[in-house]
Amino acid sequence: QFVLVESGGGLVQSGGSLRLSCVISGFSFERLAIGWVRQAPGKEREGVACINVGGTRTYYADSVKGRFTVSRDNAKSTAYLQMNSLKPEDTAIYFCAADFQCGPDYGSWGRGTQVTVAS
């Protein structure tokens, strides 16, 4: 079993930016597809973005296309979610998730990091 740890969440004003990081240990990072999933209060989890094993393909929810960018650094066993032009509706807990291919289902999850966007 491997461990995923997110960081980088916080409070930001509408229109601002944040970069989330996800460090994975205990498994060969380069063999994993990494997804970002968010859950807002009272709402179901939403797959936000994913990057495939080779880093050659990325996927985004329509709600974040053009604003969010997912990337990975295999040498650091770290995935990133760069979030620009943030909106209040982006407020949620953001989870890093991993599996052998992009979602909707993932076998391993981090504990999440809170992102709050103030209007």
PDB file of N, CA and C in Angstrom:
ATOM      1  N   GLN A   1       0.845  -1.171   0.000  1.00  0.00           N
ATOM      2  CA  GLN A   1       0.000   0.000   0.000  1.00  0.00           C
ATOM      3  C   GLN A   1       0.891   1.235   0.000  1.00  0.00           C
ATOM      4  N   PHE A   2       0.495   2.209  -0.776  1.00  0.00           N
ATOM      5  CA  PHE A   2       1.321   3.399  -0.836  1.00  0.00           C
ATOM      6  C   PHE A   2       0.555   4.594  -0.302  1.00  0.00           C
ATOM      7  N   VAL A   3       1.270   5.677  -0.077  1.00  0.00           N
ATOM      8  CA  VAL A   3       0.741   6.849   0.606  1.00  0.00           C
ATOM      9  C   VAL A   3       0.753   8.041  -0.325  1.00  0.00           C
ATOM     10  N   LEU A   4      -0.349   8.787  -0.316  1.00  0.00           N
ATOM     11  CA  LEU A   4      -0.476  10.010  -1.088  1.00  0.00           C
ATOM     12  C   LEU A   4      -0.691  11.170  -0.113  1.00  0.00           C
ATOM     13  N   VAL A   5       0.078  12.223  -0.266  1.00  0.00           N
ATOM     14  CA  VAL A   5      -0.045  13.375   0.623  1.00  0.00           C
ATOM     15  C   VAL A   5      -0.170  14.640  -0.208  1.00  0.00           C
ATOM     16  N   GLU A   6      -1.309  15.309  -0.031  1.00  0.00           N
ATOM     17  CA  GLU A   6      -1.544  16.568  -0.749  1.00  0.00           C
ATOM     18  C   GLU A   6      -1.076  17.756   0.090  1.00  0.00           C
ATOM     19  N   SER A   7      -0.754  18.821  -0.594  1.00  0.00           N
ATOM     20  CA  SER A   7      -0.436  20.078   0.070  1.00  0.00           C
ATOM     21  C   SER A   7      -0.720  21.222  -0.898  1.00  0.00           C
ATOM     22  N   GLY A   8      -0.730  22.444  -0.348  1.00  0.00           N
ATOM     23  CA  GLY A   8      -0.882  23.620  -1.199  1.00  0.00           C
ATOM     24  C   GLY A   8      -2.239  24.284  -1.156  1.00  0.00           C
ATOM     25  N   GLY A   9      -3.173  23.683  -0.438  1.00  0.00           N
ATOM     26  CA  GLY A   9      -4.484  24.308  -0.337  1.00  0.00           C
ATOM     27  C   GLY A   9      -4.429  25.558   0.525  1.00  0.00           C
ATOM     28  N   GLY A  10      -5.548  26.295   0.550  1.00  0.00           N
ATOM     29  CA  GLY A  10      -5.602  27.497   1.360  1.00  0.00           C
ATOM     30  C   GLY A  10      -6.746  28.383   0.947  1.00  0.00           C
ATOM     31  N   LEU A  11      -6.695  29.611   1.445  1.00  0.00           N
ATOM     32  CA  LEU A  11      -7.713  30.619   1.148  1.00  0.00           C
ATOM     33  C   LEU A  11      -7.149  31.586   0.111  1.00  0.00           C
ATOM     34  N   VAL A  12      -7.936  31.834  -0.930  1.00  0.00           N
ATOM     35  CA  VAL A  12      -7.505  32.726  -1.993  1.00  0.00           C
ATOM     36  C   VAL A  12      -8.692  33.555  -2.460  1.00  0.00           C
ATOM     37  N   GLN A  13      -8.420  34.734  -2.952  1.00  0.00           N
ATOM     38  CA  GLN A  13      -9.485  35.576  -3.491  1.00  0.00           C
ATOM     39  C   GLN A  13      -9.890  35.099  -4.884  1.00  0.00           C
ATOM     40  N   SER A  14     -11.121  35.388  -5.227  1.00  0.00           N
ATOM     41  CA  SER A  14     -11.608  35.063  -6.568  1.00  0.00           C
ATOM     42  C   SER A  14     -10.678  35.666  -7.618  1.00  0.00           C
ATOM     43  N   GLY A  15     -10.333  34.866  -8.614  1.00  0.00           N
ATOM     44  CA  GLY A  15      -9.392  35.282  -9.637  1.00  0.00           C
ATOM     45  C   GLY A  15      -7.954  34.918  -9.347  1.00  0.00           C
ATOM     46  N   GLY A  16      -7.702  34.459  -8.143  1.00  0.00           N
ATOM     47  CA  GLY A  16      -6.357  34.107  -7.737  1.00  0.00           C
ATOM     48  C   GLY A  16      -5.940  32.719  -8.200  1.00  0.00           C
ATOM     49  N   SER A  17      -4.754  32.314  -7.744  1.00  0.00           N
ATOM     50  CA  SER A  17      -4.174  31.034  -8.157  1.00  0.00           C
ATOM     51  C   SER A  17      -3.653  30.269  -6.947  1.00  0.00           C
ATOM     52  N   LEU A  18      -3.643  28.965  -7.097  1.00  0.00           N
ATOM     53  CA  LEU A  18      -3.018  28.065  -6.131  1.00  0.00           C
ATOM     54  C   LEU A  18      -2.408  26.914  -6.906  1.00  0.00           C
ATOM     55  N   ARG A  19      -1.364  26.321  -6.331  1.00  0.00           N
ATOM     56  CA  ARG A  19      -0.809  25.097  -6.896  1.00  0.00           C
ATOM     57  C   ARG A  19      -0.822  24.011  -5.835  1.00  0.00           C
ATOM     58  N   LEU A  20      -1.532  22.946  -6.134  1.00  0.00           N
ATOM     59  CA  LEU A  20      -1.578  21.787  -5.240  1.00  0.00           C
ATOM     60  C   LEU A  20      -0.484  20.802  -5.640  1.00  0.00           C
ATOM     61  N   SER A  21       0.058  20.145  -4.632  1.00  0.00           N
ATOM     62  CA  SER A  21       1.057  19.108  -4.862  1.00  0.00           C
ATOM     63  C   SER A  21       0.581  17.794  -4.250  1.00  0.00           C
ATOM     64  N   CYS A  22       1.005  16.705  -4.843  1.00  0.00           N
ATOM     65  CA  CYS A  22       0.686  15.371  -4.330  1.00  0.00           C
ATOM     66  C   CYS A  22       1.951  14.535  -4.391  1.00  0.00           C
ATOM     67  N   VAL A  23       2.473  14.199  -3.249  1.00  0.00           N
ATOM     68  CA  VAL A  23       3.663  13.359  -3.168  1.00  0.00           C
ATOM     69  C   VAL A  23       3.233  11.932  -2.869  1.00  0.00           C
ATOM     70  N   ILE A  24       3.766  11.000  -3.644  1.00  0.00           N
ATOM     71  CA  ILE A  24       3.411   9.586  -3.475  1.00  0.00           C
ATOM     72  C   ILE A  24       4.651   8.805  -3.066  1.00  0.00           C
ATOM     73  N   SER A  25       4.499   7.985  -2.066  1.00  0.00           N
ATOM     74  CA  SER A  25       5.593   7.143  -1.609  1.00  0.00           C
ATOM     75  C   SER A  25       5.113   5.709  -1.473  1.00  0.00           C
ATOM     76  N   GLY A  26       6.069   4.781  -1.538  1.00  0.00           N
ATOM     77  CA  GLY A  26       5.744   3.382  -1.344  1.00  0.00           C
ATOM     78  C   GLY A  26       5.399   2.619  -2.597  1.00  0.00           C
ATOM     79  N   PHE A  27       5.505   3.261  -3.763  1.00  0.00           N
ATOM     80  CA  PHE A  27       5.202   2.589  -5.029  1.00  0.00           C
ATOM     81  C   PHE A  27       5.942   3.304  -6.137  1.00  0.00           C
ATOM     82  N   SER A  28       6.066   2.637  -7.247  1.00  0.00           N
ATOM     83  CA  SER A  28       6.741   3.241  -8.395  1.00  0.00           C
ATOM     84  C   SER A  28       5.844   4.310  -9.009  1.00  0.00           C
ATOM     85  N   PHE A  29       6.171   5.554  -8.723  1.00  0.00           N
ATOM     86  CA  PHE A  29       5.327   6.668  -9.144  1.00  0.00           C
ATOM     87  C   PHE A  29       5.094   6.656 -10.650  1.00  0.00           C
ATOM     88  N   GLU A  30       6.110   6.301 -11.402  1.00  0.00           N
ATOM     89  CA  GLU A  30       6.013   6.376 -12.863  1.00  0.00           C
ATOM     90  C   GLU A  30       5.023   5.367 -13.438  1.00  0.00           C
ATOM     91  N   ARG A  31       4.577   4.426 -12.637  1.00  0.00           N
ATOM     92  CA  ARG A  31       3.611   3.428 -13.083  1.00  0.00           C
ATOM     93  C   ARG A  31       2.165   3.835 -12.808  1.00  0.00           C
ATOM     94  N   LEU A  32       1.988   4.991 -12.221  1.00  0.00           N
ATOM     95  CA  LEU A  32       0.661   5.410 -11.788  1.00  0.00           C
ATOM     96  C   LEU A  32       0.103   6.563 -12.616  1.00  0.00           C
ATOM     97  N   ALA A  33      -1.182   6.491 -12.896  1.00  0.00           N
ATOM     98  CA  ALA A  33      -1.923   7.654 -13.367  1.00  0.00           C
ATOM     99  C   ALA A  33      -2.395   8.420 -12.128  1.00  0.00           C
ATOM    100  N   ILE A  34      -2.350   9.726 -12.192  1.00  0.00           N
ATOM    101  CA  ILE A  34      -2.692  10.556 -11.033  1.00  0.00           C
ATOM    102  C   ILE A  34      -3.899  11.431 -11.364  1.00  0.00           C
ATOM    103  N   GLY A  35      -4.891  11.350 -10.505  1.00  0.00           N
ATOM    104  CA  GLY A  35      -6.086  12.154 -10.686  1.00  0.00           C
ATOM    105  C   GLY A  35      -6.280  13.130  -9.538  1.00  0.00           C
ATOM    106  N   TRP A  36      -7.008  14.190  -9.826  1.00  0.00           N
ATOM    107  CA  TRP A  36      -7.438  15.142  -8.800  1.00  0.00           C
ATOM    108  C   TRP A  36      -8.963  15.147  -8.784  1.00  0.00           C
ATOM    109  N   VAL A  37      -9.499  14.956  -7.616  1.00  0.00           N
ATOM    110  CA  VAL A  37     -10.942  14.866  -7.420  1.00  0.00           C
ATOM    111  C   VAL A  37     -11.319  15.846  -6.312  1.00  0.00           C
ATOM    112  N   ARG A  38     -12.423  16.532  -6.456  1.00  0.00           N
ATOM    113  CA  ARG A  38     -12.819  17.477  -5.420  1.00  0.00           C
ATOM    114  C   ARG A  38     -14.221  17.168  -4.917  1.00  0.00           C
ATOM    115  N   GLN A  39     -14.458  17.612  -3.702  1.00  0.00           N
ATOM    116  CA  GLN A  39     -15.783  17.449  -3.113  1.00  0.00           C
ATOM    117  C   GLN A  39     -16.147  18.709  -2.362  1.00  0.00           C
ATOM    118  N   ALA A  40     -17.206  19.343  -2.813  1.00  0.00           N
ATOM    119  CA  ALA A  40     -17.714  20.539  -2.160  1.00  0.00           C
ATOM    120  C   ALA A  40     -18.790  20.138  -1.158  1.00  0.00           C
ATOM    121  N   PRO A  41     -19.043  20.963  -0.144  1.00  0.00           N
ATOM    122  CA  PRO A  41     -20.063  20.641   0.846  1.00  0.00           C
ATOM    123  C   PRO A  41     -21.413  20.376   0.204  1.00  0.00           C
ATOM    124  N   GLY A  42     -22.008  19.247   0.549  1.00  0.00           N
ATOM    125  CA  GLY A  42     -23.326  18.918   0.045  1.00  0.00           C
ATOM    126  C   GLY A  42     -23.363  18.441  -1.386  1.00  0.00           C
ATOM    127  N   LYS A  43     -22.203  18.264  -1.997  1.00  0.00           N
ATOM    128  CA  LYS A  43     -22.155  17.826  -3.388  1.00  0.00           C
ATOM    129  C   LYS A  43     -21.389  16.519  -3.521  1.00  0.00           C
ATOM    130  N   GLU A  44     -21.605  15.842  -4.641  1.00  0.00           N
ATOM    131  CA  GLU A  44     -20.869  14.612  -4.897  1.00  0.00           C
ATOM    132  C   GLU A  44     -19.445  14.923  -5.340  1.00  0.00           C
ATOM    133  N   ARG A  45     -18.594  13.933  -5.207  1.00  0.00           N
ATOM    134  CA  ARG A  45     -17.229  14.094  -5.678  1.00  0.00           C
ATOM    135  C   ARG A  45     -17.212  14.322  -7.181  1.00  0.00           C
ATOM    136  N   GLU A  46     -16.304  15.176  -7.619  1.00  0.00           N
ATOM    137  CA  GLU A  46     -16.171  15.506  -9.035  1.00  0.00           C
ATOM    138  C   GLU A  46     -14.733  15.293  -9.479  1.00  0.00           C
ATOM    139  N   GLY A  47     -14.547  14.490 -10.490  1.00  0.00           N
ATOM    140  CA  GLY A  47     -13.224  14.341 -11.078  1.00  0.00           C
ATOM    141  C   GLY A  47     -12.839  15.629 -11.775  1.00  0.00           C
ATOM    142  N   VAL A  48     -11.716  16.202 -11.390  1.00  0.00           N
ATOM    143  CA  VAL A  48     -11.296  17.492 -11.906  1.00  0.00           C
ATOM    144  C   VAL A  48     -10.299  17.340 -13.042  1.00  0.00           C
ATOM    145  N   ALA A  49      -9.293  16.503 -12.830  1.00  0.00           N
ATOM    146  CA  ALA A  49      -8.226  16.359 -13.827  1.00  0.00           C
ATOM    147  C   ALA A  49      -7.508  15.046 -13.602  1.00  0.00           C
ATOM    148  N   CYS A  50      -6.818  14.614 -14.643  1.00  0.00           N
ATOM    149  CA  CYS A  50      -6.002  13.410 -14.522  1.00  0.00           C
ATOM    150  C   CYS A  50      -4.864  13.476 -15.528  1.00  0.00           C
ATOM    151  N   ILE A  51      -3.750  12.880 -15.155  1.00  0.00           N
ATOM    152  CA  ILE A  51      -2.624  12.750 -16.075  1.00  0.00           C
ATOM    153  C   ILE A  51      -2.246  11.278 -16.147  1.00  0.00           C
ATOM    154  N   ASN A  52      -1.995  10.792 -17.349  1.00  0.00           N
ATOM    155  CA  ASN A  52      -1.784   9.352 -17.522  1.00  0.00           C
ATOM    156  C   ASN A  52      -0.381   8.941 -17.085  1.00  0.00           C
ATOM    157  N   VAL A  53      -0.109   7.652 -17.193  1.00  0.00           N
ATOM    158  CA  VAL A  53       1.148   7.092 -16.705  1.00  0.00           C
ATOM    159  C   VAL A  53       2.350   7.769 -17.354  1.00  0.00           C
ATOM    160  N   GLY A  54       2.329   7.902 -18.640  1.00  0.00           N
ATOM    161  CA  GLY A  54       3.469   8.489 -19.344  1.00  0.00           C
ATOM    162  C   GLY A  54       3.499   9.997 -19.332  1.00  0.00           C
ATOM    163  N   GLY A  55       2.463  10.602 -18.809  1.00  0.00           N
ATOM    164  CA  GLY A  55       2.396  12.061 -18.825  1.00  0.00           C
ATOM    165  C   GLY A  55       2.082  12.627 -20.189  1.00  0.00           C
ATOM    166  N   THR A  56       1.621  11.772 -21.095  1.00  0.00           N
ATOM    167  CA  THR A  56       1.387  12.209 -22.468  1.00  0.00           C
ATOM    168  C   THR A  56      -0.041  12.666 -22.712  1.00  0.00           C
ATOM    169  N   ARG A  57      -0.931  12.339 -21.789  1.00  0.00           N
ATOM    170  CA  ARG A  57      -2.322  12.733 -21.950  1.00  0.00           C
ATOM    171  C   ARG A  57      -2.861  13.287 -20.637  1.00  0.00           C
ATOM    172  N   THR A  58      -3.673  14.313 -20.768  1.00  0.00           N
ATOM    173  CA  THR A  58      -4.333  14.904 -19.614  1.00  0.00           C
ATOM    174  C   THR A  58      -5.827  15.026 -19.900  1.00  0.00           C
ATOM    175  N   TYR A  59      -6.580  15.007 -18.838  1.00  0.00           N
ATOM    176  CA  TYR A  59      -8.030  15.063 -18.944  1.00  0.00           C
ATOM    177  C   TYR A  59      -8.536  16.088 -17.937  1.00  0.00           C
ATOM    178  N   TYR A  60      -9.569  16.816 -18.324  1.00  0.00           N
ATOM    179  CA  TYR A  60     -10.114  17.848 -17.444  1.00  0.00           C
ATOM    180  C   TYR A  60     -11.638  17.836 -17.472  1.00  0.00           C
ATOM    181  N   ALA A  61     -12.224  18.166 -16.328  1.00  0.00           N
ATOM    182  CA  ALA A  61     -13.658  18.416 -16.298  1.00  0.00           C
ATOM    183  C   ALA A  61     -13.938  19.713 -17.059  1.00  0.00           C
ATOM    184  N   ASP A  62     -15.096  19.787 -17.659  1.00  0.00           N
ATOM    185  CA  ASP A  62     -15.460  20.989 -18.414  1.00  0.00           C
ATOM    186  C   ASP A  62     -15.408  22.233 -17.530  1.00  0.00           C
ATOM    187  N   SER A  63     -15.728  22.057 -16.255  1.00  0.00           N
ATOM    188  CA  SER A  63     -15.799  23.190 -15.339  1.00  0.00           C
ATOM    189  C   SER A  63     -14.443  23.844 -15.077  1.00  0.00           C
ATOM    190  N   VAL A  64     -13.352  23.144 -15.383  1.00  0.00           N
ATOM    191  CA  VAL A  64     -12.019  23.691 -15.091  1.00  0.00           C
ATOM    192  C   VAL A  64     -11.133  23.833 -16.318  1.00  0.00           C
ATOM    193  N   LYS A  65     -11.611  23.406 -17.468  1.00  0.00           N
ATOM    194  CA  LYS A  65     -10.806  23.491 -18.690  1.00  0.00           C
ATOM    195  C   LYS A  65     -10.374  24.925 -18.958  1.00  0.00           C
ATOM    196  N   GLY A  66      -9.112  25.072 -19.288  1.00  0.00           N
ATOM    197  CA  GLY A  66      -8.573  26.395 -19.560  1.00  0.00           C
ATOM    198  C   GLY A  66      -8.105  27.140 -18.327  1.00  0.00           C
ATOM    199  N   ARG A  67      -8.439  26.623 -17.148  1.00  0.00           N
ATOM    200  CA  ARG A  67      -8.035  27.283 -15.901  1.00  0.00           C
ATOM    201  C   ARG A  67      -7.084  26.418 -15.068  1.00  0.00           C
ATOM    202  N   PHE A  68      -7.255  25.122 -15.113  1.00  0.00           N
ATOM    203  CA  PHE A  68      -6.446  24.197 -14.316  1.00  0.00           C
ATOM    204  C   PHE A  68      -5.499  23.425 -15.230  1.00  0.00           C
ATOM    205  N   THR A  69      -4.319  23.111 -14.695  1.00  0.00           N
ATOM    206  CA  THR A  69      -3.345  22.314 -15.431  1.00  0.00           C
ATOM    207  C   THR A  69      -2.764  21.253 -14.510  1.00  0.00           C
ATOM    208  N   VAL A  70      -2.830  20.008 -14.943  1.00  0.00           N
ATOM    209  CA  VAL A  70      -2.258  18.899 -14.179  1.00  0.00           C
ATOM    210  C   VAL A  70      -0.917  18.530 -14.796  1.00  0.00           C
ATOM    211  N   SER A  71       0.054  18.218 -13.943  1.00  0.00           N
ATOM    212  CA  SER A  71       1.382  17.840 -14.423  1.00  0.00           C
ATOM    213  C   SER A  71       2.007  16.868 -13.431  1.00  0.00           C
ATOM    214  N   ARG A  72       3.145  16.320 -13.817  1.00  0.00           N
ATOM    215  CA  ARG A  72       3.831  15.367 -12.948  1.00  0.00           C
ATOM    216  C   ARG A  72       5.335  15.496 -13.116  1.00  0.00           C
ATOM    217  N   ASP A  73       6.043  15.176 -12.039  1.00  0.00           N
ATOM    218  CA  ASP A  73       7.499  15.133 -12.043  1.00  0.00           C
ATOM    219  C   ASP A  73       7.894  13.778 -11.481  1.00  0.00           C
ATOM    220  N   ASN A  74       8.217  12.843 -12.351  1.00  0.00           N
ATOM    221  CA  ASN A  74       8.525  11.484 -11.902  1.00  0.00           C
ATOM    222  C   ASN A  74       9.762  11.450 -11.000  1.00  0.00           C
ATOM    223  N   ALA A  75      10.716  12.319 -11.251  1.00  0.00           N
ATOM    224  CA  ALA A  75      11.930  12.336 -10.440  1.00  0.00           C
ATOM    225  C   ALA A  75      11.633  12.700  -8.992  1.00  0.00           C
ATOM    226  N   LYS A  76      10.574  13.457  -8.779  1.00  0.00           N
ATOM    227  CA  LYS A  76      10.199  13.875  -7.421  1.00  0.00           C
ATOM    228  C   LYS A  76       9.005  13.097  -6.886  1.00  0.00           C
ATOM    229  N   SER A  77       8.496  12.142  -7.682  1.00  0.00           N
ATOM    230  CA  SER A  77       7.308  11.378  -7.279  1.00  0.00           C
ATOM    231  C   SER A  77       6.170  12.311  -6.872  1.00  0.00           C
ATOM    232  N   THR A  78       5.996  13.359  -7.635  1.00  0.00           N
ATOM    233  CA  THR A  78       5.044  14.410  -7.289  1.00  0.00           C
ATOM    234  C   THR A  78       4.198  14.786  -8.493  1.00  0.00           C
ATOM    235  N   ALA A  79       2.918  14.960  -8.232  1.00  0.00           N
ATOM    236  CA  ALA A  79       1.996  15.492  -9.227  1.00  0.00           C
ATOM    237  C   ALA A  79       1.511  16.860  -8.755  1.00  0.00           C
ATOM    238  N   TYR A  80       1.127  17.679  -9.717  1.00  0.00           N
ATOM    239  CA  TYR A  80       0.706  19.045  -9.401  1.00  0.00           C
ATOM    240  C   TYR A  80      -0.636  19.351 -10.056  1.00  0.00           C
ATOM    241  N   LEU A  81      -1.355  20.269  -9.431  1.00  0.00           N
ATOM    242  CA  LEU A  81      -2.549  20.836 -10.041  1.00  0.00           C
ATOM    243  C   LEU A  81      -2.435  22.350  -9.920  1.00  0.00           C
ATOM    244  N   GLN A  82      -2.130  22.991 -11.022  1.00  0.00           N
ATOM    245  CA  GLN A  82      -2.058  24.440 -11.053  1.00  0.00           C
ATOM    246  C   GLN A  82      -3.458  24.972 -11.326  1.00  0.00           C
ATOM    247  N   MET A  83      -3.940  25.804 -10.430  1.00  0.00           N
ATOM    248  CA  MET A  83      -5.309  26.319 -10.526  1.00  0.00           C
ATOM    249  C   MET A  83      -5.258  27.834 -10.668  1.00  0.00           C
ATOM    250  N   ASN A  84      -5.707  28.320 -11.797  1.00  0.00           N
ATOM    251  CA  ASN A  84      -5.726  29.762 -12.074  1.00  0.00           C
ATOM    252  C   ASN A  84      -7.163  30.238 -12.223  1.00  0.00           C
ATOM    253  N   SER A  85      -7.323  31.546 -12.146  1.00  0.00           N
ATOM    254  CA  SER A  85      -8.649  32.166 -12.309  1.00  0.00           C
ATOM    255  C   SER A  85      -9.682  31.476 -11.428  1.00  0.00           C
ATOM    256  N   LEU A  86      -9.335  31.280 -10.199  1.00  0.00           N
ATOM    257  CA  LEU A  86     -10.208  30.543  -9.282  1.00  0.00           C
ATOM    258  C   LEU A  86     -11.511  31.285  -9.043  1.00  0.00           C
ATOM    259  N   LYS A  87     -12.565  30.503  -8.869  1.00  0.00           N
ATOM    260  CA  LYS A  87     -13.907  31.016  -8.646  1.00  0.00           C
ATOM    261  C   LYS A  87     -14.431  30.480  -7.310  1.00  0.00           C
ATOM    262  N   PRO A  88     -15.387  31.169  -6.708  1.00  0.00           N
ATOM    263  CA  PRO A  88     -15.956  30.655  -5.447  1.00  0.00           C
ATOM    264  C   PRO A  88     -16.485  29.229  -5.582  1.00  0.00           C
ATOM    265  N   GLU A  89     -16.998  28.877  -6.740  1.00  0.00           N
ATOM    266  CA  GLU A  89     -17.518  27.520  -6.926  1.00  0.00           C
ATOM    267  C   GLU A  89     -16.425  26.460  -7.001  1.00  0.00           C
ATOM    268  N   ASP A  90     -15.170  26.872  -7.019  1.00  0.00           N
ATOM    269  CA  ASP A  90     -14.067  25.911  -6.938  1.00  0.00           C
ATOM    270  C   ASP A  90     -13.777  25.509  -5.492  1.00  0.00           C
ATOM    271  N   THR A  91     -14.424  26.149  -4.549  1.00  0.00           N
ATOM    272  CA  THR A  91     -14.229  25.818  -3.140  1.00  0.00           C
ATOM    273  C   THR A  91     -14.615  24.372  -2.878  1.00  0.00           C
ATOM    274  N   ALA A  92     -13.669  23.610  -2.318  1.00  0.00           N
ATOM    275  CA  ALA A  92     -13.895  22.184  -2.075  1.00  0.00           C
ATOM    276  C   ALA A  92     -12.672  21.606  -1.375  1.00  0.00           C
ATOM    277  N   ILE A  93     -12.814  20.377  -0.949  1.00  0.00           N
ATOM    278  CA  ILE A  93     -11.645  19.601  -0.553  1.00  0.00           C
ATOM    279  C   ILE A  93     -11.135  18.911  -1.815  1.00  0.00           C
ATOM    280  N   TYR A  94      -9.850  19.048  -2.070  1.00  0.00           N
ATOM    281  CA  TYR A  94      -9.236  18.458  -3.252  1.00  0.00           C
ATOM    282  C   TYR A  94      -8.415  17.240  -2.842  1.00  0.00           C
ATOM    283  N   PHE A  95      -8.713  16.125  -3.488  1.00  0.00           N
ATOM    284  CA  PHE A  95      -8.046  14.865  -3.210  1.00  0.00           C
ATOM    285  C   PHE A  95      -7.152  14.475  -4.382  1.00  0.00           C
ATOM    286  N   CYS A  96      -6.013  13.969  -4.051  1.00  0.00           N
ATOM    287  CA  CYS A  96      -5.149  13.315  -5.021  1.00  0.00           C
ATOM    288  C   CYS A  96      -5.497  11.829  -5.005  1.00  0.00           C
ATOM    289  N   ALA A  97      -5.565  11.211  -6.184  1.00  0.00           N
ATOM    290  CA  ALA A  97      -5.902   9.801  -6.281  1.00  0.00           C
ATOM    291  C   ALA A  97      -5.005   9.144  -7.327  1.00  0.00           C
ATOM    292  N   ALA A  98      -4.794   7.856  -7.167  1.00  0.00           N
ATOM    293  CA  ALA A  98      -3.879   7.162  -8.067  1.00  0.00           C
ATOM    294  C   ALA A  98      -4.388   5.776  -8.417  1.00  0.00           C
ATOM    295  N   ASP A  99      -4.063   5.355  -9.625  1.00  0.00           N
ATOM    296  CA  ASP A  99      -4.344   4.004 -10.083  1.00  0.00           C
ATOM    297  C   ASP A  99      -3.514   3.766 -11.335  1.00  0.00           C
ATOM    298  N   PHE A 100      -3.708   2.662 -11.990  1.00  0.00           N
ATOM    299  CA  PHE A 100      -2.910   2.360 -13.171  1.00  0.00           C
ATOM    300  C   PHE A 100      -3.418   3.068 -14.423  1.00  0.00           C
ATOM    301  N   GLN A 101      -4.633   3.628 -14.336  1.00  0.00           N
ATOM    302  CA  GLN A 101      -5.146   4.439 -15.424  1.00  0.00           C
ATOM    303  C   GLN A 101      -6.058   5.499 -14.852  1.00  0.00           C
ATOM    304  N   CYS A 102      -6.329   6.524 -15.651  1.00  0.00           N
ATOM    305  CA  CYS A 102      -7.203   7.591 -15.174  1.00  0.00           C
ATOM    306  C   CYS A 102      -8.610   7.077 -14.907  1.00  0.00           C
ATOM    307  N   GLY A 103      -9.296   7.732 -13.988  1.00  0.00           N
ATOM    308  CA  GLY A 103     -10.575   7.354 -13.437  1.00  0.00           C
ATOM    309  C   GLY A 103     -11.670   7.008 -14.409  1.00  0.00           C
ATOM    310  N   PRO A 104     -12.926   6.894 -13.891  1.00  0.00           N
ATOM    311  CA  PRO A 104     -13.427   7.606 -12.716  1.00  0.00           C
ATOM    312  C   PRO A 104     -13.097   6.984 -11.368  1.00  0.00           C
ATOM    313  N   ASP A 105     -12.674   5.735 -11.367  1.00  0.00           N
ATOM    314  CA  ASP A 105     -12.372   5.091 -10.098  1.00  0.00           C
ATOM    315  C   ASP A 105     -10.864   5.033  -9.871  1.00  0.00           C
ATOM    316  N   TYR A 106     -10.475   5.197  -8.610  1.00  0.00           N
ATOM    317  CA  TYR A 106      -9.066   5.114  -8.238  1.00  0.00           C
ATOM    318  C   TYR A 106      -8.921   4.211  -7.023  1.00  0.00           C
ATOM    319  N   GLY A 107      -7.830   3.500  -6.969  1.00  0.00           N
ATOM    320  CA  GLY A 107      -7.636   2.556  -5.873  1.00  0.00           C
ATOM    321  C   GLY A 107      -7.035   3.165  -4.621  1.00  0.00           C
ATOM    322  N   SER A 108      -6.340   4.293  -4.769  1.00  0.00           N
ATOM    323  CA  SER A 108      -5.667   4.903  -3.624  1.00  0.00           C
ATOM    324  C   SER A 108      -5.942   6.398  -3.589  1.00  0.00           C
ATOM    325  N   TRP A 109      -6.082   6.899  -2.374  1.00  0.00           N
ATOM    326  CA  TRP A 109      -6.479   8.288  -2.180  1.00  0.00           C
ATOM    327  C   TRP A 109      -5.641   8.947  -1.092  1.00  0.00           C
ATOM    328  N   GLY A 110      -5.439  10.251  -1.256  1.00  0.00           N
ATOM    329  CA  GLY A 110      -4.890  11.038  -0.181  1.00  0.00           C
ATOM    330  C   GLY A 110      -6.001  11.499   0.748  1.00  0.00           C
ATOM    331  N   ARG A 111      -5.622  12.264   1.772  1.00  0.00           N
ATOM    332  CA  ARG A 111      -6.607  12.729   2.744  1.00  0.00           C
ATOM    333  C   ARG A 111      -7.255  14.043   2.332  1.00  0.00           C
ATOM    334  N   GLY A 112      -6.719  14.694   1.342  1.00  0.00           N
ATOM    335  CA  GLY A 112      -7.328  15.910   0.828  1.00  0.00           C
ATOM    336  C   GLY A 112      -6.735  17.178   1.408  1.00  0.00           C
ATOM    337  N   THR A 113      -6.917  18.259   0.662  1.00  0.00           N
ATOM    338  CA  THR A 113      -6.492  19.579   1.110  1.00  0.00           C
ATOM    339  C   THR A 113      -7.604  20.572   0.775  1.00  0.00           C
ATOM    340  N   GLN A 114      -7.884  21.450   1.703  1.00  0.00           N
ATOM    341  CA  GLN A 114      -8.999  22.382   1.550  1.00  0.00           C
ATOM    342  C   GLN A 114      -8.596  23.571   0.682  1.00  0.00           C
ATOM    343  N   VAL A 115      -9.436  23.871  -0.279  1.00  0.00           N
ATOM    344  CA  VAL A 115      -9.286  25.078  -1.094  1.00  0.00           C
ATOM    345  C   VAL A 115     -10.534  25.923  -0.905  1.00  0.00           C
ATOM    346  N   THR A 116     -10.341  27.161  -0.494  1.00  0.00           N
ATOM    347  CA  THR A 116     -11.456  28.078  -0.290  1.00  0.00           C
ATOM    348  C   THR A 116     -11.215  29.330  -1.117  1.00  0.00           C
ATOM    349  N   VAL A 117     -12.189  29.651  -1.955  1.00  0.00           N
ATOM    350  CA  VAL A 117     -12.087  30.826  -2.813  1.00  0.00           C
ATOM    351  C   VAL A 117     -13.117  31.842  -2.357  1.00  0.00           C
ATOM    352  N   ALA A 118     -12.626  32.970  -1.887  1.00  0.00           N
ATOM    353  CA  ALA A 118     -13.510  34.028  -1.386  1.00  0.00           C
ATOM    354  C   ALA A 118     -13.925  34.959  -2.529  1.00  0.00           C
ATOM    355  N   SER A 119     -15.187  35.347  -2.482  1.00  0.00           N
ATOM    356  CA  SER A 119     -15.701  36.233  -3.549  1.00  0.00           C
ATOM    357  C   SER A 119     -15.382  37.685  -3.251  1.00  0.00           C
TER     358      SER A 119
END
